[in-house]
Amino acid sequence: MKNYLVTFLKGILAGLAIGLGGFLYILMTFLFSGDNAELGKIFGSILFSVGLFLVCTFSLSLYTGKIGLVYEEKQSKEFYISLPIMLIGNAIGAFAFGYICFFIFRSSDVYFSALATANARLQFNDVLDYLTTAIKAFLCGLCVYLAVKSFSLNRLKPLGITLLVFFVFVFVYCGFQHCIANMFYFGMANTMSWYTLINLLIVILFNSLGPIVGVKLVKLIQSNYSK
């Protein structure tokens, strides 16, 4: 029980860390708007990696960073039980940080940057929108796995940090969807509806499936490297 409590608390901290990365992204898109919007997107995508860097450095319990272990090898019963616990912790941390930011910035233009980011994830007009959300979530799960795996194999070395930032930049800049980041965006935008729930269910599911490809890629690279 104590281990599960630790996982839960570390899950909350991981949610806060990803929320911080999301806030830095929102802040950059606000500061570099108009003709400089592309710069804001670039800087925001890079700074988002601060969140995942904190998660990896302090070994926090991030669901999307741990789910890939399921596909690497068979895990213990305790590990499978801990996955939903850390996901709940992530949700609490991300939503809480989002709502704190909402109350601080609700009267400023920063809020509208968050609202635009959140609303872009809640466009479900036809089947294609659902499919697009699923694909973006799958690719995000792949990128997060590769970022976390690269960092763990080269912990605090320049290569590990560089690859982590690179993979995070790719998924944020390309608009791939991360379930915990979305929780922060929805919280900061104060956007709660059935579409919010639908988005989170789809993104959680396909974030969880993305690492399947990542595991195979890592094994392929490692096998070729060892030859």
Protein backbone atom coordinates (compact mmCIF):
# COMPACT_ATOMS: atom_id res chain seq x y z
CA MET A 1 0.00 0.00 0.00
CA LYS A 2 2.86 2.35 0.81
CA ASN A 3 4.38 1.80 -2.64
CA TYR A 4 1.06 2.66 -4.29
CA LEU A 5 0.82 5.84 -2.22
CA VAL A 6 4.31 6.85 -3.34
CA THR A 7 3.34 6.11 -6.95
CA PHE A 8 0.23 8.26 -6.54
CA LEU A 9 2.16 11.20 -5.07
CA LYS A 10 4.87 10.91 -7.72
CA GLY A 11 2.07 10.78 -10.29
CA ILE A 12 0.72 14.10 -9.04
CA LEU A 13 4.20 15.62 -9.28
CA ALA A 14 4.57 14.25 -12.81
CA GLY A 15 1.25 15.86 -13.76
CA LEU A 16 2.48 19.16 -12.35
CA ALA A 17 5.73 18.83 -14.32
CA ILE A 18 3.91 18.20 -17.60
CA GLY A 19 1.58 21.07 -16.73
CA LEU A 20 4.62 23.31 -16.37
CA GLY A 21 5.79 22.26 -19.82
CA GLY A 22 2.34 22.98 -21.20
CA PHE A 23 2.28 26.40 -19.56
CA LEU A 24 5.67 27.29 -21.06
CA TYR A 25 4.26 26.35 -24.46
CA ILE A 26 1.18 28.54 -23.92
CA LEU A 27 3.35 31.40 -22.70
CA MET A 28 5.57 31.27 -25.80
CA THR A 29 2.58 31.20 -28.15
CA PHE A 30 1.27 34.27 -26.34
CA LEU A 31 4.55 36.19 -26.33
CA PHE A 32 5.28 35.42 -29.99
CA SER A 33 1.91 35.97 -31.64
CA GLY A 34 0.94 37.52 -34.95
CA ASP A 35 3.80 37.60 -37.44
CA ASN A 36 6.06 35.79 -34.94
CA ALA A 37 3.61 32.96 -34.24
CA GLU A 38 5.91 30.37 -35.78
CA LEU A 39 8.74 31.38 -33.42
CA GLY A 40 6.37 31.02 -30.49
CA LYS A 41 5.47 27.53 -31.61
CA ILE A 42 9.13 26.57 -32.01
CA PHE A 43 10.28 27.99 -28.66
CA GLY A 44 7.19 26.59 -26.93
CA SER A 45 7.81 23.12 -28.36
CA ILE A 46 11.40 23.18 -27.11
CA LEU A 47 10.52 24.49 -23.66
CA PHE A 48 7.78 21.90 -23.23
CA SER A 49 10.61 19.38 -22.82
CA VAL A 50 11.35 20.93 -19.40
CA GLY A 51 8.35 19.02 -18.09
CA LEU A 52 9.47 15.60 -19.33
CA PHE A 53 13.07 16.35 -18.32
CA LEU A 54 11.90 16.90 -14.72
CA VAL A 55 9.89 13.68 -14.85
CA CYS A 56 12.85 11.64 -16.05
CA THR A 57 15.48 13.31 -13.85
CA PHE A 58 13.51 12.83 -10.63
CA SER A 59 12.01 9.45 -11.66
CA LEU A 60 8.43 10.67 -11.33
CA SER A 61 5.48 8.44 -12.22
CA LEU A 62 4.21 9.54 -15.63
CA TYR A 63 1.72 7.13 -17.20
CA THR A 64 2.84 7.79 -20.78
CA GLY A 65 6.46 7.35 -19.72
CA LYS A 66 5.83 4.00 -18.02
CA ILE A 67 3.27 2.28 -20.24
CA GLY A 68 5.97 1.36 -22.77
CA LEU A 69 7.52 -1.03 -20.22
CA VAL A 70 4.49 -3.28 -20.70
CA TYR A 71 5.63 -4.00 -24.26
CA GLU A 72 9.29 -4.52 -23.39
CA GLU A 73 8.76 -7.51 -21.11
CA LYS A 74 6.25 -9.01 -18.71
CA GLN A 75 5.88 -6.84 -15.62
CA SER A 76 4.81 -7.64 -12.07
CA LYS A 77 1.20 -7.58 -10.92
CA GLU A 78 2.03 -4.54 -8.77
CA PHE A 79 3.24 -2.63 -11.81
CA TYR A 80 -0.03 -3.17 -13.70
CA ILE A 81 -1.99 -2.02 -10.66
CA SER A 82 0.22 1.07 -10.36
CA LEU A 83 -0.52 2.25 -13.92
CA PRO A 84 -4.09 3.50 -13.28
CA ILE A 85 -2.95 4.90 -9.93
CA MET A 86 -0.25 7.03 -11.55
CA LEU A 87 -2.68 8.07 -14.32
CA ILE A 88 -5.13 9.36 -11.70
CA GLY A 89 -2.25 11.17 -9.98
CA ASN A 90 -1.16 12.66 -13.31
CA ALA A 91 -4.71 13.89 -13.94
CA ILE A 92 -4.95 15.53 -10.52
CA GLY A 93 -1.59 17.27 -10.93
CA ALA A 94 -2.22 18.44 -14.50
CA PHE A 95 -5.80 19.62 -13.95
CA ALA A 96 -4.89 21.32 -10.67
CA PHE A 97 -2.02 23.22 -12.26
CA GLY A 98 -4.26 24.11 -15.19
CA TYR A 99 -7.00 25.53 -12.96
CA ILE A 100 -4.45 27.48 -10.92
CA CYS A 101 -3.22 29.05 -14.16
CA PHE A 102 -6.82 29.70 -15.19
CA PHE A 103 -7.57 31.68 -12.04
CA ILE A 104 -4.31 33.63 -12.34
CA PHE A 105 -4.58 34.46 -16.06
CA ARG A 106 -8.34 34.35 -16.74
CA SER A 107 -8.45 38.13 -17.21
CA SER A 108 -5.41 38.28 -19.50
CA ASP A 109 -4.72 37.38 -23.11
CA VAL A 110 -2.63 34.41 -21.94
CA TYR A 111 -5.92 32.69 -21.18
CA PHE A 112 -7.06 33.05 -24.80
CA SER A 113 -3.89 31.32 -25.99
CA ALA A 114 -4.75 28.40 -23.71
CA LEU A 115 -8.37 28.44 -24.91
CA ALA A 116 -7.28 28.29 -28.55
CA THR A 117 -4.94 25.37 -27.81
CA ALA A 118 -7.68 23.49 -25.93
CA ASN A 119 -10.39 24.14 -28.52
CA ALA A 120 -8.13 22.88 -31.31
CA ARG A 121 -8.22 19.49 -29.56
CA LEU A 122 -12.00 19.44 -29.25
CA GLN A 123 -13.01 19.65 -32.90
CA PHE A 124 -15.12 16.54 -33.55
CA ASN A 125 -17.28 17.33 -36.58
CA ASP A 126 -16.97 14.01 -38.40
CA VAL A 127 -15.33 10.59 -38.29
CA LEU A 128 -12.12 11.98 -39.78
CA ASP A 129 -11.63 14.20 -36.72
CA TYR A 130 -11.81 11.16 -34.42
CA LEU A 131 -9.36 9.27 -36.62
CA THR A 132 -6.98 12.25 -36.72
CA THR A 133 -7.05 12.52 -32.92
CA ALA A 134 -6.28 8.81 -32.61
CA ILE A 135 -3.34 9.01 -35.04
CA LYS A 136 -1.90 12.08 -33.33
CA ALA A 137 -2.20 10.37 -29.96
CA PHE A 138 -0.54 7.21 -31.27
CA LEU A 139 2.41 9.16 -32.70
CA CYS A 140 2.71 11.13 -29.46
CA GLY A 141 2.89 7.87 -27.49
CA LEU A 142 5.68 6.75 -29.82
CA CYS A 143 7.61 10.01 -29.38
CA VAL A 144 7.26 9.99 -25.58
CA TYR A 145 8.51 6.41 -25.40
CA LEU A 146 11.53 7.22 -27.56
CA ALA A 147 12.25 10.37 -25.51
CA VAL A 148 12.09 8.54 -22.17
CA LYS A 149 14.02 5.52 -23.47
CA SER A 150 16.74 7.70 -24.99
CA PHE A 151 17.14 9.56 -21.72
CA SER A 152 17.22 6.38 -19.62
CA LEU A 153 19.91 4.83 -21.84
CA ASN A 154 22.04 8.00 -21.72
CA ARG A 155 21.02 9.45 -18.35
CA LEU A 156 22.03 13.13 -18.00
CA LYS A 157 24.51 12.73 -20.86
CA PRO A 158 24.36 15.24 -23.73
CA LEU A 159 23.01 12.61 -26.13
CA GLY A 160 20.18 11.59 -23.80
CA ILE A 161 19.13 15.17 -23.10
CA THR A 162 19.36 16.12 -26.78
CA LEU A 163 17.21 13.18 -27.89
CA LEU A 164 14.65 13.88 -25.18
CA VAL A 165 14.32 17.50 -26.29
CA PHE A 166 14.20 16.43 -29.93
CA PHE A 167 11.39 13.89 -29.55
CA VAL A 168 9.38 16.24 -27.34
CA PHE A 169 9.87 19.04 -29.86
CA VAL A 170 8.62 16.76 -32.65
CA PHE A 171 5.40 15.75 -30.92
CA VAL A 172 4.56 19.23 -29.63
CA TYR A 173 5.43 21.11 -32.83
CA CYS A 174 3.56 18.61 -35.00
CA GLY A 175 0.47 18.89 -32.83
CA PHE A 176 0.50 15.29 -31.62
CA GLN A 177 -1.73 14.86 -28.58
CA HIS A 178 -0.53 13.94 -25.09
CA CYS A 179 -3.26 13.00 -22.62
CA ILE A 180 -1.65 14.63 -19.56
CA ALA A 181 -0.77 17.81 -21.46
CA ASN A 182 -4.37 17.93 -22.71
CA MET A 183 -5.59 17.71 -19.12
CA PHE A 184 -3.54 20.80 -18.33
CA TYR A 185 -4.78 22.67 -21.42
CA PHE A 186 -8.42 21.83 -20.63
CA GLY A 187 -7.92 22.93 -17.04
CA MET A 188 -6.30 26.23 -17.95
CA ALA A 189 -8.95 26.91 -20.59
CA ASN A 190 -11.68 25.87 -18.13
CA THR A 191 -13.12 23.76 -20.92
CA MET A 192 -15.03 20.78 -19.60
CA SER A 193 -17.61 18.98 -21.72
CA TRP A 194 -18.46 15.59 -23.18
CA TYR A 195 -16.00 16.36 -25.97
CA THR A 196 -13.28 16.83 -23.35
CA LEU A 197 -13.99 13.35 -22.00
CA ILE A 198 -14.10 11.87 -25.49
CA ASN A 199 -10.76 13.45 -26.35
CA LEU A 200 -9.10 12.16 -23.19
CA LEU A 201 -10.41 8.61 -23.64
CA ILE A 202 -9.16 8.46 -27.23
CA VAL A 203 -5.80 10.04 -26.44
CA ILE A 204 -5.14 7.89 -23.36
CA LEU A 205 -5.88 4.74 -25.38
CA PHE A 206 -3.69 5.60 -28.36
CA ASN A 207 -0.91 7.14 -26.23
CA SER A 208 -0.84 3.69 -24.65
CA LEU A 209 -0.50 1.92 -28.01
CA GLY A 210 2.17 4.18 -29.53
CA PRO A 211 5.09 2.62 -27.59
CA ILE A 212 4.48 -0.72 -29.37
CA VAL A 213 6.28 0.65 -32.43
CA GLY A 214 8.89 2.39 -30.25
CA VAL A 215 9.87 -0.87 -28.54
CA LYS A 216 10.36 -2.57 -31.89
CA LEU A 217 12.42 0.35 -33.21
CA VAL A 218 14.70 0.38 -30.16
CA LYS A 219 15.23 -3.39 -30.34
CA LEU A 220 16.01 -3.14 -34.06
CA ILE A 221 18.54 -0.35 -33.51
CA GLN A 222 20.15 -2.16 -30.57
CA SER A 223 20.44 -5.43 -32.52
CA ASN A 224 22.07 -3.68 -35.50
CA TYR A 225 24.39 -1.72 -33.21
CA SER A 226 25.58 -4.88 -31.43
CA LYS A 227 26.60 -6.55 -34.70
